[in-house]
Amino acid sequence: MRLDKYLKVSRLIKRRTVANEACDNARISVNGRPAKASYDVKVGDKIEISMGGRTVAVEVLQVAESVRKDDAAAMYKEL
């Protein structure tokens, strides 16, 4: 699954367009490297999101095309 879509489906970022812009501005890194929106997310990847003066680090536990709002938090683990 693409990185921008994963961020939206997991509810880490509210909209896919915002996730895409964050990737373009190098605010998102995967496994310590800046990542493009087209990066293919895999289980075990470590994603860092730097937005609004705040940094969130998560580890990917699950990749799914669609998830209910209540189950979205089960897709990742905060570090």
Protein backbone atom coordinates (compact mmCIF):
# COMPACT_ATOMS: atom_id res chain seq x y z
CA MET A 1 0.00 0.00 0.00
CA ARG A 2 1.23 3.50 -0.79
CA LEU A 3 2.50 5.57 2.14
CA ASP A 4 0.01 8.41 1.66
CA LYS A 5 -2.92 5.97 1.60
CA TYR A 6 -1.61 4.12 4.68
CA LEU A 7 -1.40 7.38 6.64
CA LYS A 8 -5.02 8.17 5.74
CA VAL A 9 -6.44 4.68 6.36
CA SER A 10 -4.65 4.40 9.73
CA ARG A 11 -5.95 7.88 10.64
CA LEU A 12 -2.44 9.20 11.40
CA ILE A 13 -3.19 12.03 8.94
CA LYS A 14 -6.75 13.09 8.22
CA ARG A 15 -6.63 13.50 4.43
CA ARG A 16 -4.62 11.77 1.71
CA THR A 17 -3.80 15.08 0.01
CA VAL A 18 -2.30 16.38 3.27
CA ALA A 19 -0.27 13.16 3.60
CA ASN A 20 0.92 13.56 0.01
CA GLU A 21 2.04 17.17 0.65
CA ALA A 22 3.82 16.14 3.87
CA CYS A 23 5.79 13.53 1.91
CA ASP A 24 6.68 16.09 -0.78
CA ASN A 25 7.99 18.48 1.92
CA ALA A 26 10.14 15.72 3.54
CA ARG A 27 8.14 15.78 6.79
CA ILE A 28 7.70 12.01 6.74
CA SER A 29 10.53 9.51 7.00
CA VAL A 30 10.43 5.73 6.87
CA ASN A 31 13.21 3.74 8.55
CA GLY A 32 15.26 6.93 8.98
CA ARG A 33 15.04 8.12 5.35
CA PRO A 34 12.73 10.74 3.83
CA ALA A 35 10.02 8.89 1.91
CA LYS A 36 7.93 9.69 -1.15
CA ALA A 37 4.15 9.25 -1.14
CA SER A 38 4.52 6.27 -3.48
CA TYR A 39 6.68 4.30 -0.99
CA ASP A 40 5.31 0.77 -0.48
CA VAL A 41 4.57 0.35 3.25
CA LYS A 42 5.38 -3.03 4.80
CA VAL A 43 4.80 -4.52 8.25
CA GLY A 44 7.71 -3.60 10.53
CA ASP A 45 8.45 -0.21 8.92
CA LYS A 46 9.11 2.67 11.33
CA ILE A 47 7.41 5.90 10.25
CA GLU A 48 8.23 9.36 11.70
CA ILE A 49 5.82 12.23 11.08
CA SER A 50 6.97 15.80 11.85
CA MET A 51 4.07 18.25 11.63
CA GLY A 52 3.15 21.32 13.63
CA GLY A 53 6.27 21.25 15.80
CA ARG A 54 5.43 17.73 16.96
CA THR A 55 7.03 14.44 15.97
CA VAL A 56 5.18 11.13 16.09
CA ALA A 57 7.02 7.83 15.61
CA VAL A 58 5.09 4.63 14.89
CA GLU A 59 5.80 1.06 13.86
CA VAL A 60 3.56 -0.56 11.24
CA LEU A 61 1.79 -3.64 12.65
CA GLN A 62 -0.78 -4.22 9.92
CA VAL A 63 -1.53 -3.08 6.37
CA ALA A 64 -5.19 -3.15 5.28
CA GLU A 65 -7.05 -1.44 2.42
CA SER A 66 -9.95 -0.29 4.59
CA VAL A 67 -10.44 -0.25 8.35
CA ARG A 68 -13.21 0.94 10.62
CA LYS A 69 -12.47 4.02 12.70
CA ASP A 70 -12.40 2.01 15.94
CA ASP A 71 -9.85 -0.47 14.55
CA ALA A 72 -7.52 2.09 12.90
CA ALA A 73 -5.26 2.39 15.96
CA ALA A 74 -4.50 -1.35 15.76
CA MET A 75 -2.62 -0.78 12.49
CA TYR A 76 0.37 0.80 14.26
CA LYS A 77 2.20 1.01 17.59
CA GLU A 78 3.51 4.34 18.91
CA LEU A 79 7.18 4.38 19.81
